[in-house]
């Protein structure tokens, strides 16, 4: 039977262990950041941020705490970006498509088939000289960009057949307000019309446009498949997120904490991509079950032909807008493509 002394020693050891395990929860954070984004808490972006938040808190011994604000709680895209520039928000995770007005270089992701299907090689492009240059261009725009996160690939739908490149001719497609995307469709003889996202369902339903491009989970969630006869799983357009910090807040952090945060975002990236791919697969099953849309998957031969037709005009539009910085981005991209054997 243990003595009273043994009991006190064991109890003290247990308390010490308990304290060691709970320091991350008990410690008062020295650095707190609000992280804002547009998606719901159920989406992969938010779930990835939850993982990053927990790991950063653990690895900084509770000194850094992230508070997450999903679903546009801190404003629309423009308000979040400007809030991060001015310091009322410490961080936002924003789709590249919403950032072209602040930094035209990031519009390079509007060029179709920019990133390969191979997730490993896409990640090498994100983390190599090309991806780092894209991140670096934000510093002159009042933002510190630390990572690129994948957020799905776009596919094509229409109420007219999409069984060949020639089938695009004369069709009208809704696009975001981007000259690059307009030229993407012009290159195959289609007409692109910029329409607000909230008006797209009605525009498809009433024939204002024949088709559109979006990730499968967006098509499913917004029920575009209910008013579209054809779907081609093309994965032609990369939807990338940028992790953007307020520079002043970022510089208050010790260098070690900055490295932990940047490394953790990169570490969690494959998990976010996996969750996004699972969401796309589930969305495709929902679209199939609805039984209103003819579905096919574009093969690699067709993808290469469509890239050859679309990408040059889209790239030209990008360079006209992005100037010398854009030319450097393209040169780095082509160098990385060659290195990766793409």
C-alpha atoms as a PDB file:
ATOM      1  CA  UNK A   1       0.000   0.000   0.000  1.00  0.00           C
ATOM      2  CA  UNK A   2       1.545   3.369  -1.060  1.00  0.00           C
ATOM      3  CA  UNK A   3       2.582   5.765   1.691  1.00  0.00           C
ATOM      4  CA  UNK A   4       1.277   9.312   1.981  1.00  0.00           C
ATOM      5  CA  UNK A   5       4.650  10.517   0.617  1.00  0.00           C
ATOM      6  CA  UNK A   6       4.333   8.205  -2.423  1.00  0.00           C
ATOM      7  CA  UNK A   7       0.803   9.483  -2.974  1.00  0.00           C
ATOM      8  CA  UNK A   8       1.979  13.108  -2.942  1.00  0.00           C
ATOM      9  CA  UNK A   9       4.841  12.348  -5.340  1.00  0.00           C
ATOM     10  CA  UNK A  10       2.507  10.544  -7.760  1.00  0.00           C
ATOM     11  CA  UNK A  11      -0.136  13.255  -7.518  1.00  0.00           C
ATOM     12  CA  UNK A  12       2.453  15.958  -8.159  1.00  0.00           C
ATOM     13  CA  UNK A  13       3.729  14.103 -11.200  1.00  0.00           C
ATOM     14  CA  UNK A  14       0.181  13.725 -12.499  1.00  0.00           C
ATOM     15  CA  UNK A  15      -0.522  17.402 -12.017  1.00  0.00           C
ATOM     16  CA  UNK A  16       2.708  18.301 -13.785  1.00  0.00           C
ATOM     17  CA  UNK A  17       1.819  16.052 -16.707  1.00  0.00           C
ATOM     18  CA  UNK A  18      -1.660  17.526 -16.838  1.00  0.00           C
ATOM     19  CA  UNK A  19      -0.205  21.017 -16.838  1.00  0.00           C
ATOM     20  CA  UNK A  20       2.199  20.062 -19.619  1.00  0.00           C
ATOM     21  CA  UNK A  21      -0.626  18.702 -21.728  1.00  0.00           C
ATOM     22  CA  UNK A  22      -2.883  21.705 -21.222  1.00  0.00           C
ATOM     23  CA  UNK A  23      -0.464  24.607 -21.590  1.00  0.00           C
ATOM     24  CA  UNK A  24      -1.628  25.274 -25.151  1.00  0.00           C
ATOM     25  CA  UNK A  25      -5.179  25.710 -23.922  1.00  0.00           C
ATOM     26  CA  UNK A  26      -4.307  27.591 -20.750  1.00  0.00           C
ATOM     27  CA  UNK A  27      -1.622  29.954 -22.060  1.00  0.00           C
ATOM     28  CA  UNK A  28      -2.646  33.514 -22.826  1.00  0.00           C
ATOM     29  CA  UNK A  29      -1.807  34.170 -26.483  1.00  0.00           C
ATOM     30  CA  UNK A  30       0.684  36.940 -27.225  1.00  0.00           C
ATOM     31  CA  UNK A  31      -0.422  37.265 -30.838  1.00  0.00           C
ATOM     32  CA  UNK A  32      -4.029  36.969 -32.013  1.00  0.00           C
ATOM     33  CA  UNK A  33      -5.163  37.084 -35.619  1.00  0.00           C
ATOM     34  CA  UNK A  34      -8.626  37.209 -37.136  1.00  0.00           C
ATOM     35  CA  UNK A  35      -8.734  35.063 -40.290  1.00  0.00           C
ATOM     36  CA  UNK A  36     -11.634  35.859 -42.613  1.00  0.00           C
ATOM     37  CA  UNK A  37     -12.926  33.984 -45.652  1.00  0.00           C
ATOM     38  CA  UNK A  38     -16.004  33.624 -47.850  1.00  0.00           C
ATOM     39  CA  UNK A  39     -16.965  29.943 -47.544  1.00  0.00           C
ATOM     40  CA  UNK A  40     -19.196  28.175 -45.029  1.00  0.00           C
ATOM     41  CA  UNK A  41     -17.725  26.351 -42.003  1.00  0.00           C
ATOM     42  CA  UNK A  42     -18.547  23.040 -43.690  1.00  0.00           C
ATOM     43  CA  UNK A  43     -16.294  23.650 -46.702  1.00  0.00           C
ATOM     44  CA  UNK A  44     -12.711  22.331 -47.070  1.00  0.00           C
ATOM     45  CA  UNK A  45     -11.170  25.812 -46.799  1.00  0.00           C
ATOM     46  CA  UNK A  46     -12.596  26.333 -43.306  1.00  0.00           C
ATOM     47  CA  UNK A  47     -11.839  22.805 -42.145  1.00  0.00           C
ATOM     48  CA  UNK A  48      -8.258  23.274 -43.305  1.00  0.00           C
ATOM     49  CA  UNK A  49      -8.032  26.534 -41.395  1.00  0.00           C
ATOM     50  CA  UNK A  50      -9.264  24.789 -38.262  1.00  0.00           C
ATOM     51  CA  UNK A  51      -6.408  22.287 -38.608  1.00  0.00           C
ATOM     52  CA  UNK A  52      -3.856  25.064 -39.200  1.00  0.00           C
ATOM     53  CA  UNK A  53      -5.162  27.004 -36.209  1.00  0.00           C
ATOM     54  CA  UNK A  54      -4.822  24.035 -33.843  1.00  0.00           C
ATOM     55  CA  UNK A  55      -1.328  23.130 -35.063  1.00  0.00           C
ATOM     56  CA  UNK A  56      -0.036  26.713 -34.908  1.00  0.00           C
ATOM     57  CA  UNK A  57      -1.333  27.104 -31.370  1.00  0.00           C
ATOM     58  CA  UNK A  58       0.367  23.878 -30.329  1.00  0.00           C
ATOM     59  CA  UNK A  59       3.661  24.606 -32.108  1.00  0.00           C
ATOM     60  CA  UNK A  60       3.966  28.158 -30.763  1.00  0.00           C
ATOM     61  CA  UNK A  61       3.194  26.910 -27.244  1.00  0.00           C
ATOM     62  CA  UNK A  62      -0.039  28.863 -27.201  1.00  0.00           C
ATOM     63  CA  UNK A  63       1.536  32.183 -28.140  1.00  0.00           C
ATOM     64  CA  UNK A  64      -0.289  32.497 -31.495  1.00  0.00           C
ATOM     65  CA  UNK A  65      -4.054  32.159 -31.694  1.00  0.00           C
ATOM     66  CA  UNK A  66      -6.194  32.314 -34.835  1.00  0.00           C
ATOM     67  CA  UNK A  67      -9.857  33.277 -34.635  1.00  0.00           C
ATOM     68  CA  UNK A  68     -11.775  32.154 -37.710  1.00  0.00           C
ATOM     69  CA  UNK A  69     -14.553  34.164 -39.344  1.00  0.00           C
ATOM     70  CA  UNK A  70     -16.130  32.175 -42.205  1.00  0.00           C
ATOM     71  CA  UNK A  71     -19.065  32.930 -44.524  1.00  0.00           C
ATOM     72  CA  UNK A  72     -18.270  36.624 -45.120  1.00  0.00           C
ATOM     73  CA  UNK A  73     -18.796  37.509 -41.451  1.00  0.00           C
ATOM     74  CA  UNK A  74     -16.241  40.329 -41.760  1.00  0.00           C
ATOM     75  CA  UNK A  75     -17.498  41.655 -45.088  1.00  0.00           C
ATOM     76  CA  UNK A  76     -17.455  40.870 -48.782  1.00  0.00           C
ATOM     77  CA  UNK A  77     -14.292  40.053 -50.727  1.00  0.00           C
ATOM     78  CA  UNK A  78     -13.268  43.674 -51.281  1.00  0.00           C
ATOM     79  CA  UNK A  79     -13.903  44.604 -47.642  1.00  0.00           C
ATOM     80  CA  UNK A  80     -11.827  41.657 -46.428  1.00  0.00           C
ATOM     81  CA  UNK A  81      -8.922  42.499 -48.743  1.00  0.00           C
ATOM     82  CA  UNK A  82      -8.929  46.179 -47.809  1.00  0.00           C
ATOM     83  CA  UNK A  83      -9.374  45.316 -44.126  1.00  0.00           C
ATOM     84  CA  UNK A  84      -6.258  43.134 -44.314  1.00  0.00           C
ATOM     85  CA  UNK A  85      -4.312  45.900 -46.063  1.00  0.00           C
ATOM     86  CA  UNK A  86      -5.307  48.475 -43.425  1.00  0.00           C
ATOM     87  CA  UNK A  87      -4.995  46.161 -40.407  1.00  0.00           C
ATOM     88  CA  UNK A  88      -8.574  45.803 -39.148  1.00  0.00           C
ATOM     89  CA  UNK A  89      -8.261  42.136 -40.206  1.00  0.00           C
ATOM     90  CA  UNK A  90      -4.984  40.297 -39.700  1.00  0.00           C
ATOM     91  CA  UNK A  91      -5.484  37.654 -42.389  1.00  0.00           C
ATOM     92  CA  UNK A  92      -7.824  36.491 -45.128  1.00  0.00           C
ATOM     93  CA  UNK A  93      -7.868  33.448 -47.387  1.00  0.00           C
ATOM     94  CA  UNK A  94      -9.142  34.669 -50.737  1.00  0.00           C
ATOM     95  CA  UNK A  95      -9.711  33.092 -54.178  1.00  0.00           C
ATOM     96  CA  UNK A  96      -7.325  34.413 -56.808  1.00  0.00           C
ATOM     97  CA  UNK A  97     -10.343  35.274 -58.954  1.00  0.00           C
ATOM     98  CA  UNK A  98     -11.263  38.049 -56.505  1.00  0.00           C
ATOM     99  CA  UNK A  99      -7.755  39.495 -56.318  1.00  0.00           C
ATOM    100  CA  UNK A 100      -7.033  40.519 -59.906  1.00  0.00           C
ATOM    101  CA  UNK A 101      -8.199  44.080 -59.259  1.00  0.00           C
ATOM    102  CA  UNK A 102      -5.649  44.408 -56.442  1.00  0.00           C
ATOM    103  CA  UNK A 103      -2.845  42.457 -58.097  1.00  0.00           C
ATOM    104  CA  UNK A 104      -3.116  41.676 -61.836  1.00  0.00           C
ATOM    105  CA  UNK A 105      -0.281  39.135 -61.601  1.00  0.00           C
ATOM    106  CA  UNK A 106      -2.506  36.677 -59.737  1.00  0.00           C
ATOM    107  CA  UNK A 107      -4.857  36.640 -62.746  1.00  0.00           C
ATOM    108  CA  UNK A 108      -2.389  34.222 -64.311  1.00  0.00           C
ATOM    109  CA  UNK A 109      -4.538  31.501 -62.730  1.00  0.00           C
ATOM    110  CA  UNK A 110      -7.357  32.468 -65.120  1.00  0.00           C
ATOM    111  CA  UNK A 111      -5.287  30.980 -67.966  1.00  0.00           C
ATOM    112  CA  UNK A 112      -6.863  27.582 -68.745  1.00  0.00           C
ATOM    113  CA  UNK A 113      -4.927  24.403 -68.016  1.00  0.00           C
ATOM    114  CA  UNK A 114      -2.239  26.385 -66.180  1.00  0.00           C
ATOM    115  CA  UNK A 115      -1.795  23.712 -63.507  1.00  0.00           C
ATOM    116  CA  UNK A 116      -1.459  20.025 -64.445  1.00  0.00           C
ATOM    117  CA  UNK A 117      -3.808  17.302 -63.238  1.00  0.00           C
ATOM    118  CA  UNK A 118      -0.958  15.663 -61.321  1.00  0.00           C
ATOM    119  CA  UNK A 119      -1.379  17.025 -57.756  1.00  0.00           C
ATOM    120  CA  UNK A 120       2.293  16.522 -56.901  1.00  0.00           C
ATOM    121  CA  UNK A 121       3.503  18.547 -59.875  1.00  0.00           C
ATOM    122  CA  UNK A 122       0.885  21.225 -59.234  1.00  0.00           C
ATOM    123  CA  UNK A 123       2.192  21.542 -55.702  1.00  0.00           C
ATOM    124  CA  UNK A 124       5.740  21.835 -57.003  1.00  0.00           C
ATOM    125  CA  UNK A 125       4.591  24.743 -59.158  1.00  0.00           C
ATOM    126  CA  UNK A 126       2.966  26.344 -56.095  1.00  0.00           C
ATOM    127  CA  UNK A 127       6.062  25.979 -53.920  1.00  0.00           C
ATOM    128  CA  UNK A 128       8.749  26.547 -56.564  1.00  0.00           C
ATOM    129  CA  UNK A 129      10.104  29.722 -58.116  1.00  0.00           C
ATOM    130  CA  UNK A 130       6.854  30.405 -60.002  1.00  0.00           C
ATOM    131  CA  UNK A 131       4.602  30.145 -56.950  1.00  0.00           C
ATOM    132  CA  UNK A 132       6.984  32.103 -54.751  1.00  0.00           C
ATOM    133  CA  UNK A 133       7.113  34.919 -57.295  1.00  0.00           C
ATOM    134  CA  UNK A 134       3.293  35.150 -57.312  1.00  0.00           C
ATOM    135  CA  UNK A 135       3.362  35.419 -53.509  1.00  0.00           C
ATOM    136  CA  UNK A 136       6.136  38.027 -53.575  1.00  0.00           C
ATOM    137  CA  UNK A 137       4.192  40.349 -55.906  1.00  0.00           C
ATOM    138  CA  UNK A 138       1.721  41.068 -53.112  1.00  0.00           C
ATOM    139  CA  UNK A 139       4.316  42.865 -50.975  1.00  0.00           C
ATOM    140  CA  UNK A 140       4.123  45.999 -53.131  1.00  0.00           C
ATOM    141  CA  UNK A 141       0.314  45.908 -52.832  1.00  0.00           C
ATOM    142  CA  UNK A 142       0.161  46.167 -49.050  1.00  0.00           C
ATOM    143  CA  UNK A 143      -0.252  42.449 -48.314  1.00  0.00           C
ATOM    144  CA  UNK A 144       1.995  39.581 -47.211  1.00  0.00           C
ATOM    145  CA  UNK A 145       1.156  36.375 -49.098  1.00  0.00           C
ATOM    146  CA  UNK A 146       2.525  33.203 -47.539  1.00  0.00           C
ATOM    147  CA  UNK A 147       0.856  30.292 -49.365  1.00  0.00           C
ATOM    148  CA  UNK A 148      -1.241  29.111 -52.274  1.00  0.00           C
ATOM    149  CA  UNK A 149      -4.030  26.663 -51.473  1.00  0.00           C
ATOM    150  CA  UNK A 150      -5.948  24.605 -54.076  1.00  0.00           C
ATOM    151  CA  UNK A 151      -9.709  25.146 -54.154  1.00  0.00           C
ATOM    152  CA  UNK A 152     -10.839  22.876 -56.981  1.00  0.00           C
ATOM    153  CA  UNK A 153     -10.866  22.869 -60.780  1.00  0.00           C
ATOM    154  CA  UNK A 154     -13.523  24.211 -63.119  1.00  0.00           C
ATOM    155  CA  UNK A 155     -15.633  22.087 -65.448  1.00  0.00           C
ATOM    156  CA  UNK A 156     -17.999  23.097 -68.259  1.00  0.00           C
ATOM    157  CA  UNK A 157     -21.788  22.890 -68.597  1.00  0.00           C
ATOM    158  CA  UNK A 158     -24.139  23.948 -71.388  1.00  0.00           C
ATOM    159  CA  UNK A 159     -27.605  23.454 -72.809  1.00  0.00           C
ATOM    160  CA  UNK A 160     -25.923  22.685 -76.137  1.00  0.00           C
ATOM    161  CA  UNK A 161     -23.640  19.710 -76.800  1.00  0.00           C
ATOM    162  CA  UNK A 162     -19.965  19.960 -75.814  1.00  0.00           C
ATOM    163  CA  UNK A 163     -18.738  16.873 -77.643  1.00  0.00           C
ATOM    164  CA  UNK A 164     -15.845  18.535 -79.519  1.00  0.00           C
ATOM    165  CA  UNK A 165     -13.885  21.766 -79.731  1.00  0.00           C
ATOM    166  CA  UNK A 166     -15.981  22.750 -82.754  1.00  0.00           C
ATOM    167  CA  UNK A 167     -19.131  22.472 -80.615  1.00  0.00           C
ATOM    168  CA  UNK A 168     -18.099  25.611 -78.702  1.00  0.00           C
ATOM    169  CA  UNK A 169     -18.609  27.801 -81.771  1.00  0.00           C
ATOM    170  CA  UNK A 170     -21.461  30.258 -81.378  1.00  0.00           C
ATOM    171  CA  UNK A 171     -22.263  29.248 -77.804  1.00  0.00           C
ATOM    172  CA  UNK A 172     -22.601  31.872 -75.067  1.00  0.00           C
ATOM    173  CA  UNK A 173     -20.808  31.233 -71.767  1.00  0.00           C
ATOM    174  CA  UNK A 174     -21.037  33.153 -68.527  1.00  0.00           C
ATOM    175  CA  UNK A 175     -17.669  34.194 -67.079  1.00  0.00           C
ATOM    176  CA  UNK A 176     -16.412  36.311 -64.241  1.00  0.00           C
ATOM    177  CA  UNK A 177     -15.448  39.817 -65.339  1.00  0.00           C
ATOM    178  CA  UNK A 178     -12.039  38.845 -66.705  1.00  0.00           C
ATOM    179  CA  UNK A 179     -10.561  39.672 -70.116  1.00  0.00           C
ATOM    180  CA  UNK A 180      -8.497  36.490 -69.848  1.00  0.00           C
ATOM    181  CA  UNK A 181     -11.610  34.311 -69.507  1.00  0.00           C
ATOM    182  CA  UNK A 182     -13.348  36.186 -72.302  1.00  0.00           C
ATOM    183  CA  UNK A 183     -10.395  35.446 -74.598  1.00  0.00           C
ATOM    184  CA  UNK A 184     -10.352  31.822 -73.415  1.00  0.00           C
ATOM    185  CA  UNK A 185     -13.790  31.269 -74.963  1.00  0.00           C
ATOM    186  CA  UNK A 186     -13.209  33.573 -77.931  1.00  0.00           C
ATOM    187  CA  UNK A 187     -10.297  31.339 -78.935  1.00  0.00           C
ATOM    188  CA  UNK A 188     -12.728  28.467 -79.644  1.00  0.00           C
ATOM    189  CA  UNK A 189     -15.384  30.611 -81.308  1.00  0.00           C
ATOM    190  CA  UNK A 190     -17.629  31.042 -78.266  1.00  0.00           C
ATOM    191  CA  UNK A 191     -18.945  34.285 -76.800  1.00  0.00           C
ATOM    192  CA  UNK A 192     -18.242  35.074 -73.147  1.00  0.00           C
ATOM    193  CA  UNK A 193     -20.559  37.316 -71.142  1.00  0.00           C
ATOM    194  CA  UNK A 194     -19.721  38.655 -67.667  1.00  0.00           C
ATOM    195  CA  UNK A 195     -22.745  38.034 -65.413  1.00  0.00           C
ATOM    196  CA  UNK A 196     -22.954  38.342 -61.626  1.00  0.00           C
ATOM    197  CA  UNK A 197     -22.810  34.952 -59.925  1.00  0.00           C
ATOM    198  CA  UNK A 198     -26.132  35.505 -58.147  1.00  0.00           C
ATOM    199  CA  UNK A 199     -27.856  35.965 -61.520  1.00  0.00           C
ATOM    200  CA  UNK A 200     -26.345  32.907 -63.192  1.00  0.00           C
ATOM    201  CA  UNK A 201     -29.063  30.322 -62.458  1.00  0.00           C
ATOM    202  CA  UNK A 202     -31.731  32.515 -64.035  1.00  0.00           C
ATOM    203  CA  UNK A 203     -29.459  33.372 -66.962  1.00  0.00           C
ATOM    204  CA  UNK A 204     -29.012  29.657 -67.687  1.00  0.00           C
ATOM    205  CA  UNK A 205     -32.682  28.920 -67.177  1.00  0.00           C
ATOM    206  CA  UNK A 206     -33.870  31.655 -69.527  1.00  0.00           C
ATOM    207  CA  UNK A 207     -31.202  31.184 -72.202  1.00  0.00           C
ATOM    208  CA  UNK A 208     -29.378  34.474 -71.701  1.00  0.00           C
ATOM    209  CA  UNK A 209     -26.303  32.230 -71.812  1.00  0.00           C
ATOM    210  CA  UNK A 210     -25.959  28.633 -72.938  1.00  0.00           C
ATOM    211  CA  UNK A 211     -23.372  27.543 -70.410  1.00  0.00           C
ATOM    212  CA  UNK A 212     -20.886  28.299 -67.658  1.00  0.00           C
ATOM    213  CA  UNK A 213     -17.702  27.082 -65.940  1.00  0.00           C
ATOM    214  CA  UNK A 214     -17.389  26.234 -62.251  1.00  0.00           C
ATOM    215  CA  UNK A 215     -16.093  23.504 -59.929  1.00  0.00           C
ATOM    216  CA  UNK A 216     -18.428  20.518 -59.649  1.00  0.00           C
ATOM    217  CA  UNK A 217     -19.341  21.245 -56.029  1.00  0.00           C
ATOM    218  CA  UNK A 218     -20.371  24.781 -56.984  1.00  0.00           C
ATOM    219  CA  UNK A 219     -22.454  23.436 -59.880  1.00  0.00           C
ATOM    220  CA  UNK A 220     -24.154  21.007 -57.503  1.00  0.00           C
ATOM    221  CA  UNK A 221     -24.664  23.414 -54.604  1.00  0.00           C
ATOM    222  CA  UNK A 222     -26.102  26.126 -56.849  1.00  0.00           C
ATOM    223  CA  UNK A 223     -28.179  23.515 -58.721  1.00  0.00           C
ATOM    224  CA  UNK A 224     -26.961  24.676 -62.126  1.00  0.00           C
ATOM    225  CA  UNK A 225     -27.304  21.070 -63.298  1.00  0.00           C
ATOM    226  CA  UNK A 226     -31.073  21.432 -62.984  1.00  0.00           C
ATOM    227  CA  UNK A 227     -31.016  23.871 -65.919  1.00  0.00           C
ATOM    228  CA  UNK A 228     -28.097  22.427 -67.939  1.00  0.00           C
ATOM    229  CA  UNK A 229     -28.308  19.474 -70.316  1.00  0.00           C
ATOM    230  CA  UNK A 230     -24.604  18.731 -70.695  1.00  0.00           C
ATOM    231  CA  UNK A 231     -21.623  18.551 -68.334  1.00  0.00           C
ATOM    232  CA  UNK A 232     -18.023  17.939 -69.335  1.00  0.00           C
ATOM    233  CA  UNK A 233     -15.618  17.201 -66.484  1.00  0.00           C
ATOM    234  CA  UNK A 234     -12.693  19.124 -67.958  1.00  0.00           C
ATOM    235  CA  UNK A 235     -10.709  20.357 -64.918  1.00  0.00           C
ATOM    236  CA  UNK A 236      -9.497  23.140 -67.198  1.00  0.00           C
ATOM    237  CA  UNK A 237      -9.362  26.036 -64.752  1.00  0.00           C
ATOM    238  CA  UNK A 238      -7.447  26.121 -61.463  1.00  0.00           C
ATOM    239  CA  UNK A 239      -9.262  27.745 -58.541  1.00  0.00           C
ATOM    240  CA  UNK A 240      -6.477  28.876 -56.203  1.00  0.00           C
ATOM    241  CA  UNK A 241      -6.682  30.534 -52.788  1.00  0.00           C
ATOM    242  CA  UNK A 242      -4.109  33.023 -51.470  1.00  0.00           C
ATOM    243  CA  UNK A 243      -3.279  33.191 -47.752  1.00  0.00           C
ATOM    244  CA  UNK A 244      -2.810  36.922 -47.105  1.00  0.00           C
ATOM    245  CA  UNK A 245      -1.621  38.619 -43.898  1.00  0.00           C
ATOM    246  CA  UNK A 246      -1.481  42.245 -42.866  1.00  0.00           C
ATOM    247  CA  UNK A 247       2.249  43.100 -43.208  1.00  0.00           C
ATOM    248  CA  UNK A 248       2.468  45.102 -39.970  1.00  0.00           C
ATOM    249  CA  UNK A 249       0.935  42.288 -37.894  1.00  0.00           C
ATOM    250  CA  UNK A 250       3.091  39.694 -39.650  1.00  0.00           C
ATOM    251  CA  UNK A 251       6.258  41.625 -38.799  1.00  0.00           C
ATOM    252  CA  UNK A 252       5.327  41.768 -35.098  1.00  0.00           C
ATOM    253  CA  UNK A 253       5.798  37.998 -34.940  1.00  0.00           C
ATOM    254  CA  UNK A 254       9.149  36.448 -34.041  1.00  0.00           C
ATOM    255  CA  UNK A 255      10.833  34.908 -37.084  1.00  0.00           C
ATOM    256  CA  UNK A 256      10.338  31.437 -35.626  1.00  0.00           C
ATOM    257  CA  UNK A 257       6.580  31.935 -35.345  1.00  0.00           C
ATOM    258  CA  UNK A 258       6.395  33.244 -38.917  1.00  0.00           C
ATOM    259  CA  UNK A 259       8.166  30.091 -40.121  1.00  0.00           C
ATOM    260  CA  UNK A 260       5.855  27.846 -38.107  1.00  0.00           C
ATOM    261  CA  UNK A 261       2.765  29.516 -39.602  1.00  0.00           C
ATOM    262  CA  UNK A 262       4.028  29.411 -43.204  1.00  0.00           C
ATOM    263  CA  UNK A 263       5.218  25.803 -42.873  1.00  0.00           C
ATOM    264  CA  UNK A 264       1.916  24.724 -41.317  1.00  0.00           C
ATOM    265  CA  UNK A 265      -0.162  26.220 -44.126  1.00  0.00           C
ATOM    266  CA  UNK A 266       1.991  24.311 -46.623  1.00  0.00           C
ATOM    267  CA  UNK A 267       1.800  21.112 -44.560  1.00  0.00           C
ATOM    268  CA  UNK A 268      -2.020  21.185 -44.398  1.00  0.00           C
ATOM    269  CA  UNK A 269      -2.422  22.008 -48.105  1.00  0.00           C
ATOM    270  CA  UNK A 270      -2.594  18.359 -49.344  1.00  0.00           C
ATOM    271  CA  UNK A 271      -5.317  17.626 -46.780  1.00  0.00           C
ATOM    272  CA  UNK A 272      -7.350  20.595 -48.045  1.00  0.00           C
ATOM    273  CA  UNK A 273      -6.890  19.362 -51.612  1.00  0.00           C
ATOM    274  CA  UNK A 274      -8.023  15.864 -50.611  1.00  0.00           C
ATOM    275  CA  UNK A 275     -11.151  17.255 -48.953  1.00  0.00           C
ATOM    276  CA  UNK A 276     -11.872  19.383 -52.023  1.00  0.00           C
ATOM    277  CA  UNK A 277     -11.499  16.382 -54.335  1.00  0.00           C
ATOM    278  CA  UNK A 278     -13.856  14.380 -52.143  1.00  0.00           C
ATOM    279  CA  UNK A 279     -16.384  17.219 -52.320  1.00  0.00           C
ATOM    280  CA  UNK A 280     -16.082  17.213 -56.121  1.00  0.00           C
ATOM    281  CA  UNK A 281     -16.639  13.450 -56.289  1.00  0.00           C
ATOM    282  CA  UNK A 282     -19.688  13.711 -54.056  1.00  0.00           C
ATOM    283  CA  UNK A 283     -21.069  16.578 -56.154  1.00  0.00           C
ATOM    284  CA  UNK A 284     -20.689  14.531 -59.329  1.00  0.00           C
ATOM    285  CA  UNK A 285     -22.734  11.734 -57.759  1.00  0.00           C
ATOM    286  CA  UNK A 286     -25.454  14.244 -56.822  1.00  0.00           C
ATOM    287  CA  UNK A 287     -25.556  15.550 -60.396  1.00  0.00           C
ATOM    288  CA  UNK A 288     -25.724  12.002 -61.771  1.00  0.00           C
ATOM    289  CA  UNK A 289     -28.533  11.089 -59.369  1.00  0.00           C
ATOM    290  CA  UNK A 290     -30.590  14.070 -60.485  1.00  0.00           C
ATOM    291  CA  UNK A 291     -30.702  12.515 -63.953  1.00  0.00           C
ATOM    292  CA  UNK A 292     -31.109  15.792 -65.838  1.00  0.00           C
ATOM    293  CA  UNK A 293     -27.609  16.185 -67.253  1.00  0.00           C
ATOM    294  CA  UNK A 294     -25.589  14.140 -69.728  1.00  0.00           C
ATOM    295  CA  UNK A 295     -22.095  13.748 -68.247  1.00  0.00           C
ATOM    296  CA  UNK A 296     -18.773  12.875 -69.805  1.00  0.00           C
ATOM    297  CA  UNK A 297     -15.147  13.241 -68.756  1.00  0.00           C
ATOM    298  CA  UNK A 298     -12.705  14.922 -71.111  1.00  0.00           C
ATOM    299  CA  UNK A 299      -9.798  12.659 -72.025  1.00  0.00           C
ATOM    300  CA  UNK A 300      -6.172  13.778 -72.088  1.00  0.00           C
ATOM    301  CA  UNK A 301      -6.022  14.082 -75.881  1.00  0.00           C
ATOM    302  CA  UNK A 302      -8.974  16.474 -75.876  1.00  0.00           C
ATOM    303  CA  UNK A 303      -7.563  18.402 -72.917  1.00  0.00           C
ATOM    304  CA  UNK A 304      -4.285  18.970 -74.766  1.00  0.00           C
ATOM    305  CA  UNK A 305      -6.135  20.115 -77.885  1.00  0.00           C
ATOM    306  CA  UNK A 306      -8.335  22.486 -75.892  1.00  0.00           C
ATOM    307  CA  UNK A 307      -5.293  23.874 -74.077  1.00  0.00           C
ATOM    308  CA  UNK A 308      -3.527  24.462 -77.376  1.00  0.00           C
ATOM    309  CA  UNK A 309      -6.567  26.354 -78.652  1.00  0.00           C
ATOM    310  CA  UNK A 310      -7.438  28.383 -75.538  1.00  0.00           C
ATOM    311  CA  UNK A 311      -4.255  29.090 -73.598  1.00  0.00           C
ATOM    312  CA  UNK A 312      -2.305  31.284 -76.077  1.00  0.00           C
ATOM    313  CA  UNK A 313      -5.052  33.918 -76.426  1.00  0.00           C
ATOM    314  CA  UNK A 314      -5.745  33.856 -72.698  1.00  0.00           C
ATOM    315  CA  UNK A 315      -2.012  34.278 -71.996  1.00  0.00           C
ATOM    316  CA  UNK A 316      -1.815  37.190 -74.422  1.00  0.00           C
ATOM    317  CA  UNK A 317      -4.672  38.926 -72.593  1.00  0.00           C
ATOM    318  CA  UNK A 318      -2.891  38.329 -69.282  1.00  0.00           C
ATOM    319  CA  UNK A 319       0.366  39.837 -70.559  1.00  0.00           C
ATOM    320  CA  UNK A 320      -1.405  42.901 -71.933  1.00  0.00           C
ATOM    321  CA  UNK A 321      -2.769  43.565 -68.460  1.00  0.00           C
ATOM    322  CA  UNK A 322       0.128  42.452 -66.268  1.00  0.00           C
ATOM    323  CA  UNK A 323       3.064  43.966 -68.173  1.00  0.00           C
ATOM    324  CA  UNK A 324       6.670  43.205 -67.214  1.00  0.00           C
ATOM    325  CA  UNK A 325       5.709  41.511 -63.945  1.00  0.00           C
ATOM    326  CA  UNK A 326       3.359  39.254 -65.879  1.00  0.00           C
ATOM    327  CA  UNK A 327       6.097  38.415 -68.384  1.00  0.00           C
ATOM    328  CA  UNK A 328       8.386  37.382 -65.540  1.00  0.00           C
ATOM    329  CA  UNK A 329       5.641  35.185 -64.078  1.00  0.00           C
ATOM    330  CA  UNK A 330       5.123  33.469 -67.450  1.00  0.00           C
ATOM    331  CA  UNK A 331       8.883  32.949 -67.910  1.00  0.00           C
ATOM    332  CA  UNK A 332       9.195  31.372 -64.462  1.00  0.00           C
ATOM    333  CA  UNK A 333       6.147  29.207 -65.129  1.00  0.00           C
ATOM    334  CA  UNK A 334       7.532  27.952 -68.436  1.00  0.00           C
ATOM    335  CA  UNK A 335      10.870  27.209 -66.788  1.00  0.00           C
ATOM    336  CA  UNK A 336       9.152  25.189 -64.059  1.00  0.00           C
ATOM    337  CA  UNK A 337       6.998  23.354 -66.619  1.00  0.00           C
ATOM    338  CA  UNK A 338      10.130  22.314 -68.493  1.00  0.00           C
ATOM    339  CA  UNK A 339      11.844  21.217 -65.289  1.00  0.00           C
ATOM    340  CA  UNK A 340       8.824  19.092 -64.322  1.00  0.00           C
ATOM    341  CA  UNK A 341       8.523  17.575 -67.800  1.00  0.00           C
ATOM    342  CA  UNK A 342       5.058  19.004 -68.471  1.00  0.00           C
END
